[in-house]
Every structure is written in structure tokens, then in C-alpha cells.
Amino acid sequence: MSSSLAADMQNIQKTYRDGTVALKGVDFNVREGEIHALIGENGAGKTTLMKILYGLLRPTAGKILIRGKEVNFRHPSDGIKNGVGMVQQHFALVPDFTVVENIVLGSEPCKQGVVVDYKSAVEVIKKLSEETGLHVDPESRVEGLPVGVQQRVEILKMLYRGAMTLILDEPTSVLSPIEVEDFFKILKDLRDKGRTIIFVTHKLKEALAISDRITVMRAGRVTGAVNSEGSTPQILANMMVGREVELKLEKKPVTVGEPLLEVEDLWVRSDKGLFAVKGLNFTVRRGEIFGVAGVEGNGQTELGESLTGLRKVEKGRVKVNGKDVTNAPPNELTRVGIAHIPEDRHKRGLIVDFDLAENLVLGSQSNAPFGTRFNMSLGTIYDYAQEAIGKFSIVAPSEKVRVKYLSGGNQQRLVVARELGRNPDFIVAAQPTRGLDVAATEYVRTILLKMREGRKAVLLISSDLDEILQLSDRVAVIYEGAFVDVRKPEELTEEKIGLMMGGVKPDS
């Protein structure tokens, strides 16, 4: 690993027009030929810092040097010209285009300056794909590719443009454990061939596994940089949060009670009209967390939505507390004691232009004590919101703040506060800690364990294997709409779950 710096950011400050201070004099550097992890809580400023390095944002103050030369980026094209590329968490691909069309878009090779020479581009991409291990068919259409392969297309797009320093924002959030293992081998190979990689993540174990050094941010500042070797998740978590964090939560013994949810021969279609859930049979009992693990796109989203009234059940039956609630609307399911933490809090859980108090009573605004069909009791609603802010540790300037101005972690606390404030018997928690920092993750997991201790039942749908193994009493692995197996967590390892996520049932 070289000691010279691929990028050196000095005293970077960023203040937005509304007065929000995102960065408060950050010093950050990455050496040539290293993998450098950048970690921090939601709102710590790490993505803002990386967008500045790439040219998506301009700093309010500070200096950036690329390989010793001071630069002033006004646009991502400036970053690319200086060898800096960024793959963001939400891909910027055109689904109807082929891989090669997406990769060369905006940088098309032309014959005689007029006709796009896709044939030569295909050859270049095939060679780049072989050299880097990012294997992909250049002539495949993107919309038909798995998410992990789409990510490879994004990386190849940056490498095709000559990026020597790659910024990867939460790159493993869409990958299975086996895919993560292969992906890490590719990243290490890229590093060994001279590329520099900045790996932005909230997963502490992954940061330690892949990186050479780690920089930790908190509240717009750097709290420290450490060598990965010799560090631990606990050390990093404490640096991120500024206090001791319980990474391993206590799961108290609970006597499991009668079935609360009963699912019989459940069939549910995807948005494309194909069956995404295929004949599932299972129960979840009082005092139990039933975990469902799987690679995204294997039916877990449709399963959660069918149990909460957001998607039609084509065949089969769903019972809660012995009552048939198949295809009941969401408001009726709320009345029978079902709550829902959706996997996409913006699409399914919040109206971000409404204030905090309004979001806390969504779905209950016409019920006592909050109102009637014809009017709402605003005083009661705002008093309730003030109480909930304290009870659920929501960090907000007031109950009247618009939700879009809250951090991701506090938005998630708001969803949890609303759903659990209804005192449900059964909760569907879909990816409840995705994208959350260490402190918010600790909080949500603690809440779910308290529900279990309170003789409630939880269906936990998560791609986070630590979460599944730590919280669940039973674990089902879903593949192509069916359960490969259901086991107790102590009978499983990450390797076994990884195999089952690919449709393979281990012998033991």
C-alpha cells in the first residue's frame, strides 16, 4: 500500500441555505491503493463529505487535493476527469438500456465523430470485466439483471471512465452473504491492482473485514481514524455514538403461548403479476419473534404487504387470534391488533411534508381521542406527540417540525412510536433497521425484544443476518417464494443461511 495520498480533504465545511450545518471542519484522507471505510451515524455527514469529493456538492469552505494537486470541483464530470468516481446507494441506470449502453452513456465511442461504435465498447467492457472480476454480459438488458449484477454495472461505468478512486455508498445493502464474500474478493483485487476504494457503510463488522483503515464521523466532525487491524466493533460503535453501545442485546427466556398469526397455503403475486409467494404455511406464537431471511426479490416484500392489507392474497388464508383477516383492509387490521413497520418508510410509512404530530396519528386521526370523521382535536394530537417524543427518544426541535427534516433514524423512531403506540398484539417488522446507525439500530431491536417479553408476536423480515440470528426464536429462509427450511437460530450459521438464501438446504 502506497503512503502517498489519493485524496486529501482539509477543513471541509458545509452549510446549507436553510442554515443547516452538515460539516464542521472535516479533515479526511485516503492513501493510494487502500480500502478505507468511512462510518458514522445517520446525519453524521459522511455522504455529504463524499458527494463533495465527487463533485456533486460544493463545500462552503476547505481545500481538496487529488494526488497532491488542489482541485475545485463544480460537477461530477470534474471528479471523473480527476479519477474520482462514486457509486451511490440508489443506482442511476436506465432499465430499458443494455449494460454497454448504460456504461458508455455520455461517453460514447464514435466512428468518424458521428456513429456510436458499440462494437468497440463491448470489447473494452469485456476486457475490463475480465480484468476486474466484475463479470457481466455487456449486451444484457439491465432490467432483467439481479440487483448485485446491476451494482457491478455501476462500478464498471466508473472504471470505464477512468476512475482510480472509487467511492462506494452502502454497497452491500443489496447483497446476500455469499455475494458479499465474492464482492469483497473483487474489491481487494482492485486494491491490489492499484485502485483506491472508499467504502461508506454502517455495518461495523464489514468495515473491519474489508478495510485497511477506518475513519469515524459524528455530528459533522471526524472523531478519529484507526487501523482496521486491532480495532473491534465495540470500539468503533463507541466512537460513532459517543457512549457505550450494547451490540449484543439480552434476549430473556419467554414461554411461548398460543398461535397469534396463522398462515395457510398463502399465494401472492408480485407487481409483475407473477407469483412471488408460493404456498407458505407457518404460525407465529405469542412471545415469539419469527425471522424471515432472504435475498431481496424472493417474496419477502410481498409476504409482509399481504399480511398488512397492502397487497391482495390470491389464494390461502390468514388468521389473527383465530379470526380470518384474509384481504382485510389496513384499517381493519389495525383494529384487530396488527402493526406494521414497512421496509420503505418514505413510500409506506410517512408523509414527509406533514409534521411529526400528524404522522404520529396517521390512520387514527378520525378515532378517539384524536378526532372524529368530521374534525380533529389538534390540542390532543400535539400533546400526544410531545409525550411520544420523550417516550420513544425522537430527536426533533418540536412536534411541529416537518418529517423530511428529521434524520433517517428519527424518522424510523417515529414510525415505531406510531405503530407501537396503538398497543398491537402482532407486528410485521420489515427491514426495521435498514440504513440506520448503531444507536438507532440498538433502539429498534430493544423495542422488538420488549414486545416479545410482553407476550406480543413479531414477524421480523430482514436481510441483516446478525439481526435475524440475534433476535429470532425461529428462522425461516425464503427462496423464490417458498421456505427452504425453518430452524432455531442456534442451529444456524451465516454460512448455512447463505447457502439456503441460494436455494440449497444444508444436510444438517
Protein backbone atom coordinates (compact mmCIF):
# COMPACT_ATOMS: atom_id res chain seq x y z
CA MET A 1 0.00 0.00 0.00
CA SER A 2 1.36 3.40 -1.02
CA SER A 3 1.91 6.13 1.58
CA SER A 4 1.04 8.90 -0.91
CA LEU A 5 -2.47 10.33 -0.72
CA ALA A 6 -5.05 9.68 -3.43
CA ALA A 7 -7.27 12.36 -1.85
CA ASP A 8 -6.73 14.82 0.97
CA MET A 9 -9.67 16.88 2.27
CA GLN A 10 -8.73 19.68 4.65
CA ASN A 11 -11.05 21.67 6.96
CA ILE A 12 -14.13 20.87 4.84
CA GLN A 13 -17.21 22.81 5.91
CA LYS A 14 -20.72 22.65 4.51
CA THR A 15 -23.63 24.89 5.48
CA TYR A 16 -26.87 24.69 3.50
CA ARG A 17 -29.01 27.69 2.56
CA ASP A 18 -31.50 26.97 5.34
CA GLY A 19 -28.68 27.29 7.88
CA THR A 20 -28.17 23.57 8.49
CA VAL A 21 -24.51 22.87 9.24
CA ALA A 22 -23.62 19.44 7.82
CA LEU A 23 -19.80 19.52 8.08
CA LYS A 24 -17.79 21.38 10.70
CA GLY A 25 -14.18 21.44 9.57
CA VAL A 26 -13.56 17.84 8.48
CA ASP A 27 -10.09 16.51 7.72
CA PHE A 28 -10.15 13.25 5.75
CA ASN A 29 -7.57 11.49 3.62
CA VAL A 30 -7.25 8.21 1.77
CA ARG A 31 -3.98 6.65 0.63
CA GLU A 32 -3.39 5.34 -2.86
CA GLY A 33 -4.06 1.61 -3.10
CA GLU A 34 -6.02 1.21 0.13
CA ILE A 35 -9.57 0.34 1.08
CA HIS A 36 -10.70 2.98 3.53
CA ALA A 37 -14.01 2.61 5.39
CA LEU A 38 -15.98 5.73 6.33
CA ILE A 39 -18.54 5.10 9.06
CA GLY A 40 -20.86 7.20 11.20
CA GLU A 41 -24.42 7.62 12.42
CA ASN A 42 -27.23 8.84 10.17
CA GLY A 43 -26.73 12.56 9.76
CA ALA A 44 -23.04 12.38 10.71
CA GLY A 45 -22.09 13.91 7.34
CA LYS A 46 -20.30 11.03 5.63
CA THR A 47 -22.40 11.01 2.45
CA THR A 48 -22.22 14.82 2.24
CA LEU A 49 -18.44 14.61 2.53
CA MET A 50 -18.23 12.01 -0.25
CA LYS A 51 -20.56 13.98 -2.53
CA ILE A 52 -18.19 16.92 -2.13
CA LEU A 53 -15.19 14.73 -3.01
CA TYR A 54 -17.01 13.51 -6.14
CA GLY A 55 -18.23 16.96 -7.20
CA LEU A 56 -21.97 16.52 -6.56
CA LEU A 57 -21.84 19.20 -3.85
CA ARG A 58 -19.58 22.19 -3.33
CA PRO A 59 -18.07 22.86 0.09
CA THR A 60 -18.72 26.13 1.93
CA ALA A 61 -15.05 26.19 2.92
CA GLY A 62 -11.99 23.98 2.87
CA LYS A 63 -9.46 22.54 0.44
CA ILE A 64 -9.30 19.31 -1.60
CA LEU A 65 -6.12 17.81 -3.06
CA ILE A 66 -6.18 14.90 -5.53
CA ARG A 67 -2.77 13.20 -5.68
CA GLY A 68 -1.21 16.37 -4.28
CA LYS A 69 -2.90 18.78 -6.69
CA GLU A 70 -5.51 21.23 -5.38
CA VAL A 71 -8.84 20.96 -7.21
CA ASN A 72 -12.13 22.84 -7.29
CA PHE A 73 -14.89 20.53 -8.49
CA ARG A 74 -18.12 22.12 -9.75
CA HIS A 75 -19.70 18.97 -11.23
CA PRO A 76 -19.24 15.16 -11.08
CA SER A 77 -17.61 15.35 -14.52
CA ASP A 78 -14.79 17.26 -12.82
CA GLY A 79 -14.40 14.41 -10.35
CA ILE A 80 -14.31 11.85 -13.15
CA LYS A 81 -11.69 13.89 -15.06
CA ASN A 82 -9.54 13.71 -11.93
CA GLY A 83 -10.05 9.97 -11.48
CA VAL A 84 -12.77 10.05 -8.76
CA GLY A 85 -15.96 8.01 -9.28
CA MET A 86 -18.91 7.38 -6.97
CA VAL A 87 -21.46 4.56 -6.93
CA GLN A 88 -24.41 5.76 -4.90
CA GLN A 89 -26.80 3.61 -2.90
CA HIS A 90 -29.61 4.14 -5.41
CA PHE A 91 -28.31 3.20 -8.84
CA ALA A 92 -28.54 5.61 -11.79
CA LEU A 93 -29.16 3.05 -14.53
CA VAL A 94 -31.64 3.11 -17.43
CA PRO A 95 -33.59 -0.20 -17.13
CA ASP A 96 -34.50 -0.39 -20.84
CA PHE A 97 -30.87 0.03 -21.94
CA THR A 98 -28.32 -2.74 -22.25
CA VAL A 99 -25.28 -2.97 -20.00
CA VAL A 100 -22.99 -1.45 -22.63
CA GLU A 101 -25.45 1.38 -23.37
CA ASN A 102 -25.57 2.25 -19.68
CA ILE A 103 -21.81 2.10 -19.21
CA VAL A 104 -20.93 4.35 -22.15
CA LEU A 105 -23.88 6.75 -21.74
CA GLY A 106 -22.46 10.27 -22.02
CA SER A 107 -19.04 8.91 -23.05
CA GLU A 108 -19.97 7.04 -26.23
CA PRO A 109 -17.11 6.00 -28.54
CA CYS A 110 -17.89 7.18 -32.08
CA LYS A 111 -16.80 6.31 -35.59
CA GLN A 112 -15.85 9.37 -37.58
CA GLY A 113 -17.29 11.51 -34.76
CA VAL A 114 -20.92 10.63 -35.64
CA VAL A 115 -21.92 6.95 -35.31
CA VAL A 116 -21.71 5.30 -31.85
CA ASP A 117 -19.26 2.41 -32.02
CA TYR A 118 -20.92 -0.06 -29.64
CA LYS A 119 -18.87 -2.97 -31.01
CA SER A 120 -15.59 -1.49 -29.78
CA ALA A 121 -17.25 -0.54 -26.48
CA VAL A 122 -18.39 -4.14 -25.96
CA GLU A 123 -14.81 -5.35 -26.45
CA VAL A 124 -13.44 -2.77 -23.98
CA ILE A 125 -16.08 -3.68 -21.37
CA LYS A 126 -15.48 -7.43 -21.79
CA LYS A 127 -11.78 -6.88 -21.21
CA LEU A 128 -12.42 -4.60 -18.19
CA SER A 129 -14.89 -7.14 -16.82
CA GLU A 130 -12.32 -9.94 -17.05
CA GLU A 131 -9.51 -7.85 -15.56
CA THR A 132 -11.56 -6.76 -12.54
CA GLY A 133 -13.62 -9.90 -11.89
CA LEU A 134 -16.82 -7.85 -12.33
CA HIS A 135 -18.28 -10.40 -14.71
CA VAL A 136 -21.32 -9.20 -16.66
CA ASP A 137 -22.70 -9.69 -20.18
CA PRO A 138 -22.34 -6.29 -21.94
CA GLU A 139 -25.32 -6.98 -24.18
CA SER A 140 -27.83 -7.94 -21.45
CA ARG A 141 -30.72 -5.60 -20.74
CA VAL A 142 -30.34 -4.02 -17.27
CA GLU A 143 -33.98 -4.50 -16.19
CA GLY A 144 -33.50 -8.28 -16.26
CA LEU A 145 -30.35 -8.32 -14.14
CA PRO A 146 -30.22 -9.15 -10.40
CA VAL A 147 -29.50 -6.16 -8.16
CA GLY A 148 -25.99 -7.41 -7.38
CA VAL A 149 -25.13 -7.51 -11.09
CA GLN A 150 -26.60 -4.03 -11.60
CA GLN A 151 -24.18 -2.84 -8.94
CA ARG A 152 -21.32 -4.32 -10.97
CA VAL A 153 -22.55 -2.32 -13.98
CA GLU A 154 -22.37 0.89 -11.91
CA ILE A 155 -18.79 0.12 -10.84
CA LEU A 156 -17.76 -0.76 -14.39
CA LYS A 157 -19.32 2.53 -15.54
CA MET A 158 -16.94 4.42 -13.23
CA LEU A 159 -13.92 2.30 -14.17
CA TYR A 160 -14.68 2.73 -17.90
CA ARG A 161 -14.43 6.48 -17.34
CA GLY A 162 -11.00 6.09 -15.78
CA ALA A 163 -11.80 6.26 -12.05
CA MET A 164 -8.79 5.35 -9.90
CA THR A 165 -10.54 6.31 -6.64
CA LEU A 166 -13.93 4.61 -6.18
CA ILE A 167 -16.45 5.80 -3.59
CA LEU A 168 -18.99 3.06 -2.74
CA ASP A 169 -22.02 4.14 -0.66
CA GLU A 170 -23.55 1.25 1.36
CA PRO A 171 -22.55 -1.23 -1.37
CA THR A 172 -23.55 -4.44 0.45
CA SER A 173 -27.12 -3.49 1.37
CA VAL A 174 -28.46 -5.36 -1.69
CA LEU A 175 -26.22 -8.45 -1.48
CA SER A 176 -26.55 -11.89 0.12
CA PRO A 177 -23.74 -13.15 2.43
CA ILE A 178 -22.23 -15.25 -0.37
CA GLU A 179 -22.40 -12.28 -2.77
CA VAL A 180 -20.73 -10.07 -0.13
CA GLU A 181 -17.89 -12.57 0.18
CA ASP A 182 -17.33 -12.58 -3.60
CA PHE A 183 -17.69 -8.79 -3.75
CA PHE A 184 -15.00 -8.32 -1.10
CA LYS A 185 -12.62 -10.51 -3.10
CA ILE A 186 -13.19 -8.26 -6.12
CA LEU A 187 -12.59 -5.10 -4.08
CA LYS A 188 -9.35 -6.47 -2.62
CA ASP A 189 -8.21 -7.45 -6.10
CA LEU A 190 -8.97 -3.92 -7.37
CA ARG A 191 -6.96 -2.53 -4.46
CA ASP A 192 -4.05 -4.86 -5.18
CA LYS A 193 -4.06 -3.64 -8.80
CA GLY A 194 -3.70 -0.03 -7.67
CA ARG A 195 -7.25 1.26 -7.24
CA THR A 196 -8.25 3.23 -4.17
CA ILE A 197 -11.62 2.47 -2.56
CA ILE A 198 -13.64 4.47 -0.04
CA PHE A 199 -16.23 2.15 1.50
CA VAL A 200 -19.12 4.04 3.15
CA THR A 201 -21.07 1.77 5.49
CA HIS A 202 -22.93 1.45 8.79
CA LYS A 203 -22.02 -2.26 9.14
CA LEU A 204 -19.13 -2.37 11.58
CA LYS A 205 -18.13 -6.00 11.01
CA GLU A 206 -17.96 -5.41 7.26
CA ALA A 207 -15.88 -2.26 7.72
CA LEU A 208 -13.38 -4.26 9.76
CA ALA A 209 -13.39 -7.19 7.32
CA ILE A 210 -12.77 -5.22 4.12
CA SER A 211 -10.78 -2.09 5.02
CA ASP A 212 -7.19 -1.17 5.77
CA ARG A 213 -8.15 1.96 7.73
CA ILE A 214 -11.39 3.35 9.15
CA THR A 215 -12.45 6.96 9.68
CA VAL A 216 -15.33 7.59 12.10
CA MET A 217 -17.63 10.63 11.89
CA ARG A 218 -20.12 12.04 14.39
CA ALA A 219 -22.29 15.17 14.08
CA GLY A 220 -20.36 16.68 11.17
CA ARG A 221 -16.89 16.05 12.58
CA VAL A 222 -14.27 13.30 12.47
CA THR A 223 -13.91 11.60 15.85
CA GLY A 224 -10.92 9.54 14.81
CA ALA A 225 -9.17 7.33 12.28
CA VAL A 226 -7.89 3.88 13.18
CA ASN A 227 -6.14 0.94 11.54
CA SER A 228 -8.67 -1.85 10.99
CA GLU A 229 -6.28 -4.44 12.35
CA GLY A 230 -6.58 -4.38 16.13
CA SER A 231 -9.87 -2.50 16.23
CA THR A 232 -13.24 -4.00 17.25
CA PRO A 233 -16.94 -3.32 16.58
CA GLN A 234 -17.32 -2.10 20.17
CA ILE A 235 -14.51 0.45 19.83
CA LEU A 236 -15.99 1.76 16.57
CA ALA A 237 -19.54 1.88 17.95
CA ASN A 238 -18.43 3.91 20.95
CA MET A 239 -16.56 6.35 18.66
CA MET A 240 -19.65 6.71 16.47
CA VAL A 241 -22.14 7.33 19.26
CA GLY A 242 -20.01 8.88 22.00
CA ARG A 243 -21.15 6.39 24.65
CA GLU A 244 -21.14 2.67 25.41
CA VAL A 245 -23.40 0.83 22.96
CA GLU A 246 -24.91 -2.61 23.58
CA LEU A 247 -24.09 -4.52 20.39
CA LYS A 248 -25.19 -7.84 21.90
CA LEU A 249 -28.66 -7.43 23.39
CA GLU A 250 -30.02 -9.67 26.13
CA LYS A 251 -32.79 -11.99 24.93
CA LYS A 252 -34.64 -13.14 28.03
CA PRO A 253 -36.29 -16.56 28.16
CA VAL A 254 -40.01 -16.31 27.33
CA THR A 255 -42.61 -19.07 27.44
CA VAL A 256 -44.20 -19.21 24.00
CA GLY A 257 -48.00 -19.08 24.01
CA GLU A 258 -50.83 -19.83 21.61
CA PRO A 259 -50.65 -19.05 17.87
CA LEU A 260 -51.36 -15.39 17.17
CA LEU A 261 -50.77 -15.45 13.40
CA GLU A 262 -51.69 -18.48 11.29
CA VAL A 263 -50.85 -18.55 7.58
CA GLU A 264 -52.21 -21.37 5.42
CA ASP A 265 -51.23 -22.08 1.78
CA LEU A 266 -50.53 -18.41 1.03
CA TRP A 267 -50.11 -17.34 -2.61
CA VAL A 268 -49.36 -13.70 -3.51
CA ARG A 269 -48.43 -12.05 -6.81
CA SER A 270 -45.68 -9.50 -7.47
CA ASP A 271 -46.18 -6.19 -9.28
CA LYS A 272 -45.35 -8.05 -12.50
CA GLY A 273 -48.28 -10.43 -11.99
CA LEU A 274 -46.12 -13.48 -11.24
CA PHE A 275 -46.43 -15.49 -8.03
CA ALA A 276 -43.89 -14.14 -5.53
CA VAL A 277 -45.21 -16.10 -2.52
CA LYS A 278 -45.92 -19.76 -3.24
CA GLY A 279 -47.94 -21.80 -0.77
CA LEU A 280 -46.44 -20.66 2.54
CA ASN A 281 -47.62 -22.31 5.77
CA PHE A 282 -46.44 -21.05 9.18
CA THR A 283 -47.54 -19.76 12.56
CA VAL A 284 -46.18 -17.09 14.88
CA ARG A 285 -46.97 -17.51 18.58
CA ARG A 286 -47.27 -15.11 21.48
CA GLY A 287 -43.86 -14.32 22.97
CA GLU A 288 -42.06 -15.26 19.73
CA ILE A 289 -40.05 -13.45 17.08
CA PHE A 290 -40.28 -15.38 13.80
CA GLY A 291 -37.45 -14.27 11.49
CA VAL A 292 -37.61 -14.42 7.69
CA ALA A 293 -34.26 -14.09 5.92
CA GLY A 294 -33.58 -13.98 2.19
CA VAL A 295 -32.00 -12.11 -0.69
CA GLU A 296 -34.21 -9.24 -1.85
CA GLY A 297 -36.71 -10.19 -4.53
CA ASN A 298 -37.57 -13.64 -3.19
CA GLY A 299 -41.06 -12.83 -1.96
CA GLN A 300 -40.47 -11.36 1.48
CA THR A 301 -41.76 -7.91 0.46
CA GLU A 302 -44.97 -9.38 -0.95
CA LEU A 303 -45.37 -11.56 2.16
CA GLY A 304 -45.20 -8.56 4.51
CA GLU A 305 -47.55 -6.49 2.36
CA SER A 306 -50.13 -9.29 2.09
CA LEU A 307 -50.28 -9.62 5.88
CA THR A 308 -50.82 -5.88 6.37
CA GLY A 309 -53.53 -5.26 3.78
CA LEU A 310 -51.27 -3.63 1.20
CA ARG A 311 -51.32 -6.49 -1.34
CA LYS A 312 -54.01 -8.94 -2.37
CA VAL A 313 -53.86 -12.59 -1.29
CA GLU A 314 -54.64 -14.68 -4.39
CA LYS A 315 -55.10 -17.95 -2.53
CA GLY A 316 -54.87 -19.18 1.04
CA ARG A 317 -55.89 -17.87 4.44
CA VAL A 318 -54.53 -15.51 7.11
CA LYS A 319 -55.85 -15.68 10.68
CA VAL A 320 -55.03 -13.41 13.63
CA ASN A 321 -56.17 -14.50 17.09
CA GLY A 322 -58.31 -17.12 15.37
CA LYS A 323 -60.12 -14.57 13.18
CA ASP A 324 -59.93 -14.82 9.40
CA VAL A 325 -58.48 -11.49 8.16
CA THR A 326 -57.54 -12.55 4.61
CA ASN A 327 -57.57 -9.47 2.36
CA ALA A 328 -58.90 -7.23 5.13
CA PRO A 329 -58.07 -3.53 4.59
CA PRO A 330 -55.26 -1.92 6.66
CA ASN A 331 -57.64 0.00 8.99
CA GLU A 332 -59.45 -3.21 9.91
CA LEU A 333 -56.14 -4.99 10.54
CA THR A 334 -55.12 -2.14 12.84
CA ARG A 335 -58.32 -2.64 14.83
CA VAL A 336 -57.61 -6.37 15.31
CA GLY A 337 -54.16 -5.56 16.68
CA ILE A 338 -51.73 -5.69 13.72
CA ALA A 339 -48.99 -3.06 13.38
CA HIS A 340 -46.54 -2.61 10.52
CA ILE A 341 -43.02 -1.19 10.29
CA PRO A 342 -42.66 -1.03 6.48
CA GLU A 343 -39.38 -1.65 4.68
CA ASP A 344 -39.69 1.66 2.81
CA ARG A 345 -40.62 4.23 5.44
CA HIS A 346 -40.98 7.02 2.86
CA LYS A 347 -43.24 5.09 0.48
CA ARG A 348 -45.34 3.20 3.04
CA GLY A 349 -44.75 4.72 6.47
CA LEU A 350 -44.61 8.52 6.37
CA ILE A 351 -45.89 11.63 4.64
CA VAL A 352 -42.69 13.63 4.82
CA ASP A 353 -44.33 17.01 4.12
CA PHE A 354 -46.64 16.54 7.13
CA ASP A 355 -45.37 17.45 10.58
CA LEU A 356 -44.25 14.97 13.23
CA ALA A 357 -47.54 15.08 15.18
CA GLU A 358 -49.64 14.50 12.06
CA ASN A 359 -47.53 11.46 11.13
CA LEU A 360 -47.87 10.04 14.64
CA VAL A 361 -51.66 9.72 14.27
CA LEU A 362 -51.84 8.68 10.61
CA GLY A 363 -54.62 6.11 10.33
CA SER A 364 -56.00 7.05 13.75
CA GLN A 365 -56.78 10.71 13.17
CA SER A 366 -60.55 10.03 12.96
CA ASN A 367 -60.63 7.87 16.08
CA ALA A 368 -60.96 8.96 19.71
CA PRO A 369 -59.22 10.69 21.35
CA PHE A 370 -57.68 12.32 18.26
CA GLY A 371 -60.86 13.21 16.38
CA THR A 372 -63.99 12.13 14.56
CA ARG A 373 -64.93 11.66 10.91
CA PHE A 374 -65.50 15.41 10.63
CA ASN A 375 -62.75 17.09 12.68
CA MET A 376 -59.51 16.54 14.56
CA SER A 377 -58.60 17.53 18.11
CA LEU A 378 -55.31 19.28 17.37
CA GLY A 379 -54.59 20.02 21.02
CA THR A 380 -54.88 16.34 21.92
CA ILE A 381 -52.75 15.33 18.93
CA TYR A 382 -49.93 17.75 19.77
CA ASP A 383 -49.99 16.78 23.47
CA TYR A 384 -49.76 13.13 22.45
CA ALA A 385 -46.85 13.93 20.12
CA GLN A 386 -44.90 15.70 22.89
CA GLU A 387 -45.35 12.64 25.11
CA ALA A 388 -44.27 10.26 22.29
CA ILE A 389 -41.14 12.33 21.53
CA GLY A 390 -39.94 11.72 25.07
CA LYS A 391 -41.10 8.11 25.38
CA PHE A 392 -39.54 6.97 22.10
CA SER A 393 -36.45 9.25 22.26
CA ILE A 394 -37.21 11.07 18.99
CA VAL A 395 -34.73 13.90 18.45
CA ALA A 396 -36.72 16.80 16.97
CA PRO A 397 -36.88 20.57 17.55
CA SER A 398 -40.65 20.29 18.17
CA GLU A 399 -43.71 18.20 17.41
CA LYS A 400 -44.50 20.62 14.56
CA VAL A 401 -41.32 20.00 12.53
CA ARG A 402 -41.83 18.56 9.04
CA VAL A 403 -40.77 14.95 8.96
CA LYS A 404 -38.50 15.46 5.92
CA TYR A 405 -36.15 17.46 8.14
CA LEU A 406 -35.62 14.57 10.59
CA SER A 407 -32.70 12.16 10.24
CA GLY A 408 -33.40 8.65 8.96
CA GLY A 409 -33.02 7.21 12.45
CA ASN A 410 -35.53 9.64 13.93
CA GLN A 411 -37.96 9.03 11.08
CA GLN A 412 -37.78 5.32 11.91
CA ARG A 413 -38.32 6.03 15.62
CA LEU A 414 -41.42 7.99 14.61
CA VAL A 415 -42.82 5.03 12.65
CA VAL A 416 -42.09 2.72 15.61
CA ALA A 417 -43.73 5.21 18.01
CA ARG A 418 -46.90 5.37 15.91
CA GLU A 419 -47.22 1.62 15.39
CA LEU A 420 -46.40 0.57 18.95
CA GLY A 421 -48.40 3.44 20.42
CA ARG A 422 -51.50 1.54 19.27
CA ASN A 423 -50.57 -1.35 21.63
CA PRO A 424 -50.70 -4.07 18.94
CA ASP A 425 -50.67 -7.82 19.57
CA PHE A 426 -48.76 -8.62 16.39
CA ILE A 427 -46.22 -6.58 14.44
CA VAL A 428 -44.77 -7.09 10.97
CA ALA A 429 -41.31 -5.50 11.11
CA ALA A 430 -39.86 -5.37 7.57
CA GLN A 431 -36.17 -4.37 7.35
CA PRO A 432 -36.71 -2.32 10.57
CA THR A 433 -33.07 -1.20 10.92
CA ARG A 434 -32.02 -0.88 7.27
CA GLY A 435 -29.81 2.17 6.79
CA LEU A 436 -29.91 3.03 10.50
CA ASP A 437 -26.88 3.90 12.58
CA VAL A 438 -25.69 1.92 15.58
CA ALA A 439 -27.71 3.85 18.18
CA ALA A 440 -30.98 3.74 16.23
CA THR A 441 -30.46 0.04 15.46
CA GLU A 442 -29.89 -0.70 19.15
CA TYR A 443 -33.09 1.17 19.97
CA VAL A 444 -35.35 -0.58 17.44
CA ARG A 445 -34.03 -4.05 18.31
CA THR A 446 -34.55 -3.38 22.02
CA ILE A 447 -38.15 -2.35 21.32
CA LEU A 448 -38.82 -5.59 19.40
CA LEU A 449 -37.39 -7.68 22.25
CA LYS A 450 -39.59 -5.82 24.74
CA MET A 451 -42.63 -6.67 22.60
CA ARG A 452 -41.63 -10.32 22.74
CA GLU A 453 -41.25 -10.13 26.54
CA GLY A 454 -44.70 -8.52 26.67
CA ARG A 455 -46.24 -11.65 25.08
CA LYS A 456 -46.69 -9.99 21.70
CA ALA A 457 -45.70 -11.69 18.42
CA VAL A 458 -43.28 -10.35 15.82
CA LEU A 459 -42.70 -11.32 12.20
CA LEU A 460 -39.20 -9.98 11.50
CA ILE A 461 -38.32 -9.73 7.79
CA SER A 462 -34.66 -8.75 7.45
CA SER A 463 -31.62 -9.15 5.21
CA ASP A 464 -29.34 -8.42 8.20
CA LEU A 465 -28.19 -11.85 9.38
CA ASP A 466 -26.84 -10.53 12.70
CA GLU A 467 -30.31 -9.13 13.38
CA ILE A 468 -32.08 -12.33 12.35
CA LEU A 469 -29.83 -14.59 14.46
CA GLN A 470 -29.78 -12.29 17.48
CA LEU A 471 -33.50 -11.56 17.75
CA SER A 472 -35.35 -14.56 16.32
CA ASP A 473 -36.70 -17.60 18.16
CA ARG A 474 -37.19 -19.39 14.84
CA VAL A 475 -35.68 -18.53 11.44
CA ALA A 476 -37.21 -19.24 8.02
CA VAL A 477 -35.08 -18.71 4.92
CA ILE A 478 -37.13 -17.77 1.86
CA TYR A 479 -36.06 -18.52 -1.71
CA GLU A 480 -38.20 -17.90 -4.80
CA GLY A 481 -41.34 -17.50 -2.68
CA ALA A 482 -41.02 -20.64 -0.56
CA PHE A 483 -39.30 -21.50 2.72
CA VAL A 484 -36.16 -23.59 2.20
CA ASP A 485 -36.20 -24.53 5.89
CA VAL A 486 -37.28 -23.29 9.33
CA ARG A 487 -34.79 -23.72 12.18
CA LYS A 488 -33.83 -22.38 15.58
CA PRO A 489 -31.06 -19.74 15.39
CA GLU A 490 -28.64 -21.85 17.44
CA GLU A 491 -28.80 -24.48 14.67
CA LEU A 492 -27.65 -21.97 12.06
CA THR A 493 -24.51 -20.19 10.95
CA GLU A 494 -24.15 -17.35 8.47
CA GLU A 495 -22.66 -19.86 6.04
CA LYS A 496 -25.70 -22.17 6.31
CA ILE A 497 -28.11 -19.26 5.90
CA GLY A 498 -26.12 -18.06 2.90
CA LEU A 499 -26.49 -21.45 1.23
CA MET A 500 -30.22 -21.51 1.93
CA MET A 501 -30.58 -18.00 0.53
CA GLY A 502 -29.34 -19.52 -2.72
CA GLY A 503 -31.92 -22.33 -2.53
CA VAL A 504 -29.60 -25.02 -1.10
CA LYS A 505 -30.72 -26.88 2.04
CA PRO A 506 -27.69 -27.92 4.14
CA ASP A 507 -27.51 -31.56 5.27
CA SER A 508 -27.51 -30.65 8.95
